[in-house]
Structures are given as structure tokens and as C-alpha cells.
Amino acid sequence: YNAPRAATCKATSDVRLWALDRVSFKVILMTTTISKRNVYKGFLQQVPILAQLTEYEILTIADALQEEEFKDGAVICKQGDAGDTFYIIKEGNAVCTQKGADGNDVVVARLGNGAYFGEIALLTSKPRQATVSIVGDLKCLTLDRKTFKRVMGPLQDILMRTFRKV
């Protein structure tokens, strides 16, 4: 940040110190950030309700995504619960079930890499339409409604129109 040090560090024993100059640090940080953005952009471009967004807007969302990991057998969301998070599967598999008329769970979808769910949660306050359970370990990219509204603000109306068409 080109600012004075905020603290003093003193070794209390023999140490080996590695240093990284500012330029190298920035190059590494930018390369990593750009690579991550491009991967996330690819996932986001596959989401129908985001199809109307510009590249800049997609990249803005990509920058806001968080990565989460779930273990085998975990339940990410349950049918009927309030929803406020959108998920894109980066690695792994999940199964979506809904309660049938007889009260038993019926598999309605199997999701793999690049699949997404919970997009309705970004735009509405509708409850979850299905229960999503993990099969094996899973890595997801997530975006909660609060962050989505903060970064996308005025685009909400455009996305709602697109959502109604999908």
C-alpha cells in the first residue's frame, strides 16, 4: 500500500527469512487474480439468468464469489428453507431431491462440475425448491444475496426480467 509499517517484528530465535519485493508480489497477485477471474467467468457465463450481463458485470460477480468445500453426505440446503445463497459446482457432485406426494424423497436432478443451483435466491425470497445433498466431496463457488445486491445494485430489474423468461 506504499505506507509505513504498522508493526515491528523481532526474531526471538535464529530464523531464515524470505523476502518478496513489491513488484514481484503485485505480479504474482495479479496473475493469480486474473486466472481465478477467467475460470469463474466461464462458470458464470453458463448461468441463463446472467446471460444479459456484460463482460464487466460478469467479472464483477466473479470477483465477489467465495469458494466453499462440503464433505460427502452434507446437505447444503433443504426444501422449504429460506434461501439467500447461489451455488456453482466447481468440483464434485450433488443430488437434488423433492418430497413426493407420498412423503418420500424423489431425485429430481444430479449435478456435476459447472452446474448451479440457488439462483432464485439471488432475486427472490422464495423458499428452496429442493434439498441438495453432496455425493463425495464438493467444492462450490458461492454468492450470497446481500453481496449480489451490493455489487449488482441497479441490474436487479434487468435480471428479474431475464429470470421470468427462463
N, C-alpha and C. Protein backbone atom coordinates (compact mmCIF):
# COMPACT_ATOMS: atom_id res chain seq x y z
N TYR A 1 0.82 -1.21 0.00
CA TYR A 1 0.00 0.00 0.00
C TYR A 1 0.85 1.26 0.00
N ASN A 2 2.16 1.07 -0.09
CA ASN A 2 3.07 2.20 -0.08
C ASN A 2 2.86 3.04 1.18
N ALA A 3 2.75 2.36 2.31
CA ALA A 3 2.51 3.01 3.59
C ALA A 3 3.56 2.53 4.59
N PRO A 4 3.77 3.30 5.66
CA PRO A 4 4.72 2.85 6.68
C PRO A 4 4.27 1.54 7.32
N ARG A 5 5.21 0.79 7.84
CA ARG A 5 4.90 -0.46 8.52
C ARG A 5 3.97 -0.20 9.70
N ALA A 6 3.05 -1.11 9.92
CA ALA A 6 2.09 -0.97 11.00
C ALA A 6 2.59 -1.60 12.30
N ALA A 7 3.66 -2.40 12.20
CA ALA A 7 4.17 -3.09 13.40
C ALA A 7 5.65 -3.38 13.20
N THR A 8 6.31 -3.68 14.30
CA THR A 8 7.70 -4.09 14.28
C THR A 8 7.75 -5.56 14.64
N CYS A 9 8.51 -6.33 13.87
CA CYS A 9 8.66 -7.76 14.15
C CYS A 9 10.10 -8.00 14.57
N LYS A 10 10.29 -8.70 15.69
CA LYS A 10 11.63 -9.03 16.18
C LYS A 10 11.73 -10.53 16.35
N ALA A 11 12.82 -11.10 15.84
CA ALA A 11 13.06 -12.54 15.99
C ALA A 11 13.45 -12.83 17.43
N THR A 12 12.92 -13.92 17.97
CA THR A 12 13.26 -14.32 19.34
C THR A 12 14.20 -15.52 19.33
N SER A 13 14.53 -15.99 18.11
CA SER A 13 15.49 -17.08 17.93
C SER A 13 16.05 -16.95 16.52
N ASP A 14 16.97 -17.86 16.16
CA ASP A 14 17.50 -17.83 14.81
C ASP A 14 16.37 -18.12 13.82
N VAL A 15 16.34 -17.36 12.73
CA VAL A 15 15.31 -17.55 11.72
C VAL A 15 15.92 -17.46 10.33
N ARG A 16 15.23 -18.01 9.38
CA ARG A 16 15.58 -17.83 7.97
C ARG A 16 14.43 -17.04 7.37
N LEU A 17 14.73 -15.93 6.78
CA LEU A 17 13.71 -15.02 6.27
C LEU A 17 13.76 -14.97 4.75
N TRP A 18 12.59 -15.05 4.16
CA TRP A 18 12.46 -14.88 2.72
C TRP A 18 11.77 -13.55 2.49
N ALA A 19 12.23 -12.82 1.50
CA ALA A 19 11.64 -11.52 1.20
C ALA A 19 11.09 -11.53 -0.22
N LEU A 20 10.06 -10.76 -0.42
CA LEU A 20 9.44 -10.62 -1.73
C LEU A 20 9.27 -9.13 -1.98
N ASP A 21 9.87 -8.65 -3.07
CA ASP A 21 9.75 -7.22 -3.35
C ASP A 21 8.35 -6.89 -3.83
N ARG A 22 7.98 -5.62 -3.76
CA ARG A 22 6.64 -5.15 -4.09
C ARG A 22 6.22 -5.50 -5.52
N VAL A 23 7.10 -5.30 -6.47
CA VAL A 23 6.76 -5.55 -7.88
C VAL A 23 6.46 -7.03 -8.09
N SER A 24 7.32 -7.90 -7.58
CA SER A 24 7.10 -9.34 -7.72
C SER A 24 5.79 -9.76 -7.05
N PHE A 25 5.54 -9.22 -5.87
CA PHE A 25 4.30 -9.52 -5.15
C PHE A 25 3.09 -9.13 -5.99
N LYS A 26 3.12 -7.93 -6.55
CA LYS A 26 1.99 -7.46 -7.36
C LYS A 26 1.80 -8.31 -8.61
N VAL A 27 2.88 -8.72 -9.25
CA VAL A 27 2.79 -9.56 -10.44
C VAL A 27 2.15 -10.90 -10.09
N ILE A 28 2.60 -11.51 -9.00
CA ILE A 28 2.04 -12.80 -8.57
C ILE A 28 0.57 -12.64 -8.22
N LEU A 29 0.24 -11.60 -7.49
CA LEU A 29 -1.14 -11.37 -7.08
C LEU A 29 -2.04 -11.13 -8.30
N MET A 30 -1.59 -10.33 -9.24
CA MET A 30 -2.39 -10.03 -10.42
C MET A 30 -2.58 -11.28 -11.29
N THR A 31 -1.52 -12.06 -11.46
CA THR A 31 -1.60 -13.28 -12.27
C THR A 31 -2.61 -14.25 -11.66
N THR A 32 -2.53 -14.43 -10.36
CA THR A 32 -3.46 -15.33 -9.67
C THR A 32 -4.89 -14.82 -9.77
N THR A 33 -5.08 -13.53 -9.57
CA THR A 33 -6.41 -12.94 -9.61
C THR A 33 -7.02 -13.05 -11.00
N ILE A 34 -6.25 -12.75 -12.02
CA ILE A 34 -6.74 -12.82 -13.40
C ILE A 34 -7.10 -14.25 -13.77
N SER A 35 -6.26 -15.19 -13.37
CA SER A 35 -6.53 -16.61 -13.66
C SER A 35 -7.84 -17.05 -13.00
N LYS A 36 -8.01 -16.70 -11.72
CA LYS A 36 -9.22 -17.06 -10.99
C LYS A 36 -10.44 -16.42 -11.63
N ARG A 37 -10.33 -15.15 -11.99
CA ARG A 37 -11.44 -14.43 -12.63
C ARG A 37 -11.90 -15.12 -13.90
N ASN A 38 -10.95 -15.54 -14.73
CA ASN A 38 -11.29 -16.16 -16.00
C ASN A 38 -11.98 -17.51 -15.81
N VAL A 39 -11.53 -18.28 -14.82
CA VAL A 39 -12.19 -19.56 -14.53
C VAL A 39 -13.61 -19.30 -14.06
N TYR A 40 -13.78 -18.38 -13.14
CA TYR A 40 -15.10 -18.07 -12.59
C TYR A 40 -16.01 -17.48 -13.67
N LYS A 41 -15.44 -16.67 -14.54
CA LYS A 41 -16.21 -16.07 -15.64
C LYS A 41 -16.82 -17.17 -16.50
N GLY A 42 -16.03 -18.21 -16.79
CA GLY A 42 -16.53 -19.32 -17.59
C GLY A 42 -17.74 -19.99 -16.96
N PHE A 43 -17.71 -20.18 -15.64
CA PHE A 43 -18.85 -20.76 -14.94
C PHE A 43 -20.06 -19.84 -15.03
N LEU A 44 -19.85 -18.55 -14.77
CA LEU A 44 -20.96 -17.59 -14.73
C LEU A 44 -21.63 -17.42 -16.08
N GLN A 45 -20.88 -17.52 -17.16
CA GLN A 45 -21.45 -17.35 -18.49
C GLN A 45 -22.42 -18.47 -18.86
N GLN A 46 -22.41 -19.56 -18.10
CA GLN A 46 -23.32 -20.68 -18.36
C GLN A 46 -24.65 -20.54 -17.63
N VAL A 47 -24.78 -19.52 -16.78
CA VAL A 47 -26.00 -19.34 -15.98
C VAL A 47 -27.00 -18.49 -16.78
N PRO A 48 -28.15 -19.06 -17.15
CA PRO A 48 -29.10 -18.35 -18.02
C PRO A 48 -29.54 -16.97 -17.50
N ILE A 49 -29.78 -16.83 -16.19
CA ILE A 49 -30.26 -15.52 -15.72
C ILE A 49 -29.19 -14.44 -15.79
N LEU A 50 -27.93 -14.84 -16.01
CA LEU A 50 -26.84 -13.86 -16.12
C LEU A 50 -26.47 -13.58 -17.58
N ALA A 51 -27.19 -14.19 -18.51
CA ALA A 51 -26.86 -14.10 -19.94
C ALA A 51 -26.89 -12.67 -20.48
N GLN A 52 -27.70 -11.80 -19.92
CA GLN A 52 -27.82 -10.43 -20.41
C GLN A 52 -26.71 -9.50 -19.91
N LEU A 53 -25.86 -9.98 -19.01
CA LEU A 53 -24.84 -9.13 -18.41
C LEU A 53 -23.65 -8.93 -19.35
N THR A 54 -23.00 -7.80 -19.21
CA THR A 54 -21.78 -7.51 -19.98
C THR A 54 -20.61 -8.27 -19.36
N GLU A 55 -19.51 -8.31 -20.06
CA GLU A 55 -18.31 -8.97 -19.53
C GLU A 55 -17.86 -8.30 -18.23
N TYR A 56 -17.91 -6.98 -18.19
CA TYR A 56 -17.53 -6.25 -16.98
C TYR A 56 -18.41 -6.68 -15.80
N GLU A 57 -19.71 -6.79 -16.03
CA GLU A 57 -20.63 -7.17 -14.96
C GLU A 57 -20.40 -8.61 -14.50
N ILE A 58 -20.12 -9.50 -15.45
CA ILE A 58 -19.80 -10.88 -15.11
C ILE A 58 -18.52 -10.93 -14.26
N LEU A 59 -17.52 -10.15 -14.65
CA LEU A 59 -16.26 -10.13 -13.90
C LEU A 59 -16.46 -9.53 -12.51
N THR A 60 -17.36 -8.58 -12.39
CA THR A 60 -17.68 -8.00 -11.08
C THR A 60 -18.24 -9.08 -10.16
N ILE A 61 -19.13 -9.90 -10.68
CA ILE A 61 -19.68 -11.00 -9.89
C ILE A 61 -18.57 -12.02 -9.59
N ALA A 62 -17.74 -12.32 -10.59
CA ALA A 62 -16.65 -13.29 -10.40
C ALA A 62 -15.75 -12.86 -9.24
N ASP A 63 -15.48 -11.58 -9.14
CA ASP A 63 -14.64 -11.07 -8.05
C ASP A 63 -15.30 -11.25 -6.68
N ALA A 64 -16.62 -11.32 -6.66
CA ALA A 64 -17.35 -11.43 -5.38
C ALA A 64 -17.57 -12.87 -4.94
N LEU A 65 -17.30 -13.84 -5.81
CA LEU A 65 -17.53 -15.25 -5.46
C LEU A 65 -16.60 -15.72 -4.35
N GLN A 66 -17.14 -16.58 -3.50
CA GLN A 66 -16.36 -17.22 -2.44
C GLN A 66 -16.31 -18.71 -2.75
N GLU A 67 -15.24 -19.36 -2.34
CA GLU A 67 -15.13 -20.80 -2.54
C GLU A 67 -15.42 -21.50 -1.22
N GLU A 68 -16.28 -22.53 -1.28
CA GLU A 68 -16.63 -23.31 -0.09
C GLU A 68 -16.47 -24.79 -0.41
N GLU A 69 -16.13 -25.56 0.62
CA GLU A 69 -15.99 -27.00 0.47
C GLU A 69 -17.00 -27.71 1.36
N PHE A 70 -17.54 -28.82 0.86
CA PHE A 70 -18.51 -29.62 1.59
C PHE A 70 -18.05 -31.08 1.55
N LYS A 71 -18.31 -31.80 2.62
CA LYS A 71 -17.93 -33.21 2.72
C LYS A 71 -19.07 -34.12 2.29
N ASP A 72 -18.71 -35.33 1.92
CA ASP A 72 -19.67 -36.34 1.49
C ASP A 72 -20.83 -36.46 2.47
N GLY A 73 -22.03 -36.45 1.94
CA GLY A 73 -23.23 -36.61 2.76
C GLY A 73 -23.79 -35.32 3.33
N ALA A 74 -23.06 -34.23 3.22
CA ALA A 74 -23.56 -32.95 3.75
C ALA A 74 -24.78 -32.50 2.97
N VAL A 75 -25.66 -31.78 3.64
CA VAL A 75 -26.83 -31.19 3.00
C VAL A 75 -26.59 -29.69 2.92
N ILE A 76 -26.56 -29.16 1.70
CA ILE A 76 -26.31 -27.73 1.52
C ILE A 76 -27.56 -26.93 1.83
N CYS A 77 -28.70 -27.40 1.33
CA CYS A 77 -29.95 -26.70 1.60
C CYS A 77 -31.10 -27.70 1.60
N LYS A 78 -32.15 -27.36 2.33
CA LYS A 78 -33.32 -28.24 2.42
C LYS A 78 -34.53 -27.59 1.79
N GLN A 79 -35.34 -28.41 1.14
CA GLN A 79 -36.57 -27.94 0.53
C GLN A 79 -37.42 -27.22 1.57
N GLY A 80 -37.90 -26.03 1.20
CA GLY A 80 -38.74 -25.25 2.08
C GLY A 80 -38.00 -24.24 2.94
N ASP A 81 -36.67 -24.40 3.09
CA ASP A 81 -35.88 -23.44 3.87
C ASP A 81 -35.77 -22.11 3.12
N ALA A 82 -35.51 -21.07 3.86
CA ALA A 82 -35.24 -19.77 3.24
C ALA A 82 -33.91 -19.87 2.52
N GLY A 83 -33.82 -19.22 1.37
CA GLY A 83 -32.59 -19.27 0.60
C GLY A 83 -32.01 -17.89 0.38
N ASP A 84 -30.70 -17.77 0.53
CA ASP A 84 -30.07 -16.48 0.25
C ASP A 84 -28.70 -16.66 -0.40
N THR A 85 -28.40 -17.88 -0.88
CA THR A 85 -27.10 -18.13 -1.48
C THR A 85 -27.25 -18.89 -2.79
N PHE A 86 -26.45 -18.49 -3.77
CA PHE A 86 -26.37 -19.10 -5.08
C PHE A 86 -25.09 -19.94 -5.11
N TYR A 87 -25.14 -21.13 -5.71
CA TYR A 87 -24.02 -22.05 -5.74
C TYR A 87 -23.70 -22.47 -7.17
N ILE A 88 -22.39 -22.56 -7.48
CA ILE A 88 -21.92 -23.15 -8.73
C ILE A 88 -20.95 -24.25 -8.32
N ILE A 89 -21.16 -25.45 -8.85
CA ILE A 89 -20.28 -26.56 -8.50
C ILE A 89 -18.98 -26.45 -9.30
N LYS A 90 -17.90 -26.30 -8.56
CA LYS A 90 -16.58 -26.21 -9.19
C LYS A 90 -16.01 -27.62 -9.40
N GLU A 91 -16.12 -28.46 -8.37
CA GLU A 91 -15.64 -29.84 -8.46
C GLU A 91 -16.53 -30.72 -7.59
N GLY A 92 -17.02 -31.80 -8.15
CA GLY A 92 -17.78 -32.76 -7.36
C GLY A 92 -19.19 -32.95 -7.88
N ASN A 93 -19.99 -33.62 -7.05
CA ASN A 93 -21.35 -33.96 -7.44
C ASN A 93 -22.33 -33.75 -6.31
N ALA A 94 -23.56 -33.46 -6.69
CA ALA A 94 -24.65 -33.28 -5.71
C ALA A 94 -25.91 -33.89 -6.30
N VAL A 95 -26.86 -34.17 -5.44
CA VAL A 95 -28.14 -34.71 -5.87
C VAL A 95 -29.25 -33.83 -5.29
N CYS A 96 -30.25 -33.53 -6.12
CA CYS A 96 -31.39 -32.71 -5.69
C CYS A 96 -32.59 -33.63 -5.52
N THR A 97 -33.26 -33.50 -4.39
CA THR A 97 -34.45 -34.29 -4.13
C THR A 97 -35.60 -33.38 -3.72
N GLN A 98 -36.81 -33.85 -4.01
CA GLN A 98 -38.02 -33.16 -3.57
C GLN A 98 -38.93 -34.20 -2.93
N LYS A 99 -39.73 -33.74 -1.99
CA LYS A 99 -40.71 -34.62 -1.35
C LYS A 99 -41.80 -34.95 -2.36
N GLY A 100 -42.05 -36.24 -2.53
CA GLY A 100 -43.13 -36.67 -3.42
C GLY A 100 -44.46 -36.61 -2.70
N ALA A 101 -45.54 -36.88 -3.42
CA ALA A 101 -46.88 -36.86 -2.84
C ALA A 101 -47.01 -37.84 -1.69
N ASP A 102 -46.22 -38.93 -1.73
CA ASP A 102 -46.27 -39.93 -0.67
C ASP A 102 -45.36 -39.60 0.50
N GLY A 103 -44.66 -38.44 0.42
CA GLY A 103 -43.78 -38.02 1.50
C GLY A 103 -42.35 -38.52 1.38
N ASN A 104 -42.09 -39.37 0.39
CA ASN A 104 -40.73 -39.88 0.18
C ASN A 104 -39.95 -38.93 -0.71
N ASP A 105 -38.61 -38.95 -0.54
CA ASP A 105 -37.75 -38.11 -1.37
C ASP A 105 -37.63 -38.70 -2.76
N VAL A 106 -37.76 -37.84 -3.77
CA VAL A 106 -37.64 -38.23 -5.17
C VAL A 106 -36.47 -37.45 -5.77
N VAL A 107 -35.54 -38.16 -6.41
CA VAL A 107 -34.40 -37.49 -7.05
C VAL A 107 -34.92 -36.76 -8.29
N VAL A 108 -34.69 -35.44 -8.33
CA VAL A 108 -35.15 -34.64 -9.46
C VAL A 108 -34.00 -34.16 -10.34
N ALA A 109 -32.76 -34.22 -9.82
CA ALA A 109 -31.61 -33.80 -10.62
C ALA A 109 -30.32 -34.30 -9.99
N ARG A 110 -29.35 -34.54 -10.84
CA ARG A 110 -27.98 -34.86 -10.41
C ARG A 110 -27.10 -33.77 -11.00
N LEU A 111 -26.30 -33.17 -10.15
CA LEU A 111 -25.49 -32.02 -10.57
C LEU A 111 -24.01 -32.34 -10.51
N GLY A 112 -23.26 -31.89 -11.52
CA GLY A 112 -21.82 -32.09 -11.55
C GLY A 112 -21.09 -30.78 -11.81
N ASN A 113 -19.83 -30.88 -12.17
CA ASN A 113 -18.99 -29.71 -12.41
C ASN A 113 -19.68 -28.71 -13.33
N GLY A 114 -19.70 -27.45 -12.92
CA GLY A 114 -20.28 -26.39 -13.73
C GLY A 114 -21.77 -26.19 -13.52
N ALA A 115 -22.44 -27.15 -12.89
CA ALA A 115 -23.87 -26.99 -12.63
C ALA A 115 -24.06 -25.95 -11.52
N TYR A 116 -25.25 -25.41 -11.45
CA TYR A 116 -25.54 -24.38 -10.46
C TYR A 116 -26.93 -24.60 -9.88
N PHE A 117 -27.13 -24.02 -8.71
CA PHE A 117 -28.45 -24.07 -8.07
C PHE A 117 -28.55 -22.90 -7.10
N GLY A 118 -29.78 -22.57 -6.75
CA GLY A 118 -30.00 -21.48 -5.81
C GLY A 118 -30.03 -20.11 -6.45
N GLU A 119 -30.06 -20.05 -7.79
CA GLU A 119 -30.06 -18.74 -8.46
C GLU A 119 -31.32 -17.94 -8.13
N ILE A 120 -32.41 -18.63 -7.84
CA ILE A 120 -33.65 -17.95 -7.46
C ILE A 120 -33.44 -17.14 -6.18
N ALA A 121 -32.54 -17.65 -5.31
CA ALA A 121 -32.28 -16.97 -4.04
C ALA A 121 -31.66 -15.59 -4.22
N LEU A 122 -31.00 -15.35 -5.35
CA LEU A 122 -30.39 -14.03 -5.57
C LEU A 122 -31.45 -12.97 -5.85
N LEU A 123 -32.56 -13.38 -6.43
CA LEU A 123 -33.54 -12.43 -6.92
C LEU A 123 -34.85 -12.40 -6.15
N THR A 124 -35.18 -13.47 -5.45
CA THR A 124 -36.47 -13.53 -4.76
C THR A 124 -36.27 -14.05 -3.34
N SER A 125 -37.33 -14.04 -2.59
CA SER A 125 -37.27 -14.60 -1.23
C SER A 125 -38.04 -15.92 -1.17
N LYS A 126 -38.22 -16.57 -2.34
CA LYS A 126 -38.89 -17.86 -2.38
C LYS A 126 -38.10 -18.89 -1.58
N PRO A 127 -38.79 -19.84 -0.94
CA PRO A 127 -38.07 -20.89 -0.22
C PRO A 127 -37.38 -21.84 -1.20
N ARG A 128 -36.45 -22.62 -0.69
CA ARG A 128 -35.73 -23.59 -1.51
C ARG A 128 -36.72 -24.58 -2.11
N GLN A 129 -36.54 -24.88 -3.38
CA GLN A 129 -37.45 -25.76 -4.10
C GLN A 129 -37.07 -27.23 -3.99
N ALA A 130 -35.85 -27.50 -3.50
CA ALA A 130 -35.38 -28.88 -3.38
C ALA A 130 -34.32 -28.96 -2.29
N THR A 131 -34.05 -30.19 -1.87
CA THR A 131 -32.95 -30.45 -0.94
C THR A 131 -31.75 -30.84 -1.79
N VAL A 132 -30.59 -30.25 -1.49
CA VAL A 132 -29.37 -30.55 -2.24
C VAL A 132 -28.38 -31.20 -1.29
N SER A 133 -28.00 -32.45 -1.62
CA SER A 133 -27.08 -33.23 -0.80
C SER A 133 -25.81 -33.53 -1.60
N ILE A 134 -24.71 -33.67 -0.89
CA ILE A 134 -23.41 -33.89 -1.51
C ILE A 134 -23.14 -35.39 -1.68
N VAL A 135 -22.58 -35.75 -2.84
CA VAL A 135 -22.17 -37.12 -3.12
C VAL A 135 -20.66 -37.07 -3.32
N GLY A 136 -19.88 -37.50 -2.33
CA GLY A 136 -18.43 -37.31 -2.37
C GLY A 136 -18.13 -35.89 -1.91
N ASP A 137 -16.87 -35.51 -1.96
CA ASP A 137 -16.51 -34.15 -1.55
C ASP A 137 -16.85 -33.17 -2.68
N LEU A 138 -17.11 -31.93 -2.30
CA LEU A 138 -17.58 -30.94 -3.27
C LEU A 138 -16.95 -29.58 -3.00
N LYS A 139 -16.58 -28.90 -4.06
CA LYS A 139 -16.13 -27.51 -3.98
C LYS A 139 -17.13 -26.67 -4.76
N CYS A 140 -17.60 -25.60 -4.13
CA CYS A 140 -18.58 -24.70 -4.76
C CYS A 140 -18.07 -23.28 -4.76
N LEU A 141 -18.52 -22.52 -5.75
CA LEU A 141 -18.38 -21.08 -5.75
C LEU A 141 -19.72 -20.56 -5.27
N THR A 142 -19.71 -19.63 -4.32
CA THR A 142 -20.96 -19.15 -3.75
C THR A 142 -21.04 -17.63 -3.80
N LEU A 143 -22.29 -17.17 -3.83
CA LEU A 143 -22.57 -15.74 -3.81
C LEU A 143 -23.85 -15.55 -3.03
N ASP A 144 -23.78 -14.78 -1.95
CA ASP A 144 -25.00 -14.56 -1.16
C ASP A 144 -25.75 -13.34 -1.69
N ARG A 145 -27.03 -13.27 -1.36
CA ARG A 145 -27.92 -12.22 -1.88
C ARG A 145 -27.42 -10.82 -1.50
N LYS A 146 -26.96 -10.65 -0.29
CA LYS A 146 -26.51 -9.33 0.18
C LYS A 146 -25.34 -8.83 -0.68
N THR A 147 -24.36 -9.70 -0.92
CA THR A 147 -23.21 -9.32 -1.75
C THR A 147 -23.65 -9.07 -3.19
N PHE A 148 -24.52 -9.95 -3.70
CA PHE A 148 -25.02 -9.80 -5.06
C PHE A 148 -25.69 -8.44 -5.24
N LYS A 149 -26.56 -8.06 -4.30
CA LYS A 149 -27.25 -6.78 -4.40
C LYS A 149 -26.27 -5.61 -4.30
N ARG A 150 -25.25 -5.77 -3.46
CA ARG A 150 -24.26 -4.70 -3.31
C ARG A 150 -23.48 -4.50 -4.60
N VAL A 151 -23.02 -5.58 -5.22
CA VAL A 151 -22.19 -5.42 -6.42
C VAL A 151 -23.01 -5.21 -7.69
N MET A 152 -24.26 -5.70 -7.71
CA MET A 152 -25.05 -5.60 -8.93
C MET A 152 -26.12 -4.53 -8.87
N GLY A 153 -26.45 -4.07 -7.70
CA GLY A 153 -27.40 -2.99 -7.49
C GLY A 153 -28.44 -2.77 -8.56
N PRO A 154 -28.22 -1.80 -9.47
CA PRO A 154 -29.24 -1.40 -10.44
C PRO A 154 -29.58 -2.47 -11.48
N LEU A 155 -28.82 -3.54 -11.57
CA LEU A 155 -29.12 -4.57 -12.56
C LEU A 155 -30.21 -5.53 -12.11
N GLN A 156 -30.65 -5.40 -10.89
CA GLN A 156 -31.65 -6.30 -10.34
C GLN A 156 -32.90 -6.38 -11.24
N ASP A 157 -33.39 -5.24 -11.72
CA ASP A 157 -34.59 -5.23 -12.56
C ASP A 157 -34.36 -5.98 -13.87
N ILE A 158 -33.20 -5.78 -14.48
CA ILE A 158 -32.87 -6.47 -15.73
C ILE A 158 -32.84 -7.97 -15.50
N LEU A 159 -32.20 -8.38 -14.42
CA LEU A 159 -32.10 -9.80 -14.13
C LEU A 159 -33.46 -10.42 -13.81
N MET A 160 -34.33 -9.67 -13.16
CA MET A 160 -35.66 -10.19 -12.86
C MET A 160 -36.43 -10.44 -14.16
N ARG A 161 -36.30 -9.56 -15.15
CA ARG A 161 -36.96 -9.76 -16.43
C ARG A 161 -36.43 -11.03 -17.11
N THR A 162 -35.10 -11.21 -17.07
CA THR A 162 -34.49 -12.39 -17.64
C THR A 162 -34.94 -13.64 -16.89
N PHE A 163 -34.99 -13.55 -15.57
CA PHE A 163 -35.41 -14.67 -14.73
C PHE A 163 -36.82 -15.13 -15.08
N ARG A 164 -37.72 -14.19 -15.33
CA ARG A 164 -39.10 -14.54 -15.65
C ARG A 164 -39.21 -15.26 -17.00
N LYS A 165 -38.24 -14.98 -17.91
CA LYS A 165 -38.25 -15.62 -19.23
C LYS A 165 -37.71 -17.05 -19.18
N VAL A 166 -36.78 -17.30 -18.23
CA VAL A 166 -36.09 -18.60 -18.16
C VAL A 166 -37.00 -19.68 -17.67
